[in-house]
Amino acid sequence: MPALTAPVAALRPHRFDEFGTVRIDQYYWLKDRNNPEVIKYLEDENAYTKAVMAHTEALQGRLYDELKGRVLQNDQSVPFREGNYFYYTRLVEGKNYPIYARKRGSVSAPEEIMIDANALAEGKATFLIRGWDVSSGEDLLAFAVDTTGGRVSSIRFKNLRTGELLPDIVPRAIGASPGPKTTARCSIRSPIPSRCGPIRSIDTGSAQRQPPISWCTKTRMRRTTSASPRPSRARTS
């Protein structure tokens, strides 16, 4: 068997002159995900990794099955009450993503499904709900959808009375907080990574966007750390 050679990324100096300090990033060119050279380099890395790890494929399969076997196939979070509703998430056997639901007044009341992440994830290689929140009127849902894994989301809105997924989409956002009635306040991502951008007020149900009204320091959107998808095999392509 011929010796395997790991791909080596080219060094292409990129100069940053910021805050009185000069910094050189040799690999800045790799940030362009649309660059054919970047794509080729990543494909070479994936092929090299697959070849190097080929002798562990059987072990990987056993580990995956063991991990999956430790996850309840029909699991449900402990309901918590907020306002007039009990909120919870649940998993369904054979499905990869959680269902976000609520019940009015009692845990024995009829279930109202807010989000079926399995339906929304169809056809997408990556799908994560980063957070969600319900308006004070309890009839408007805002939730953050990440389809890249880059922790930058699109905010979607749903009318919980009618079940209609509203056409409004706020791209490149990191959080949202529905206000009373049909107004939502969203924190739009800044061009600078890991910083909040302006908070905007949006009248859901219309395409109108108002100018920024202030700058955020944090967001109210509920994080979904307890509702992760089931274990799944990593994709290399």
Foldseek 3Di string as FASTA:
>chain_A
DDDDDQDDDAFDWDWDCPPNDIDTDRCPVLVPPPDPVNVVNLLSNLVSVCVVCVVCVVVVVVVQVVQLVVDDQWDKDDWDDDDQKTWIWTHHHPAFFIWTWIAGNDPPHDIQTLDDQRVVCPPAPAWDWFFKEAEPVRFKIWIFIDRDPPQFTKIWMAGSVVRDTFPDIRGRFNEKYAYPDQKIWTFHPDPDPPATAFIWIDRTNDHDTDDGDGTDDDYDTGGPPVTHTRDDDDDSD
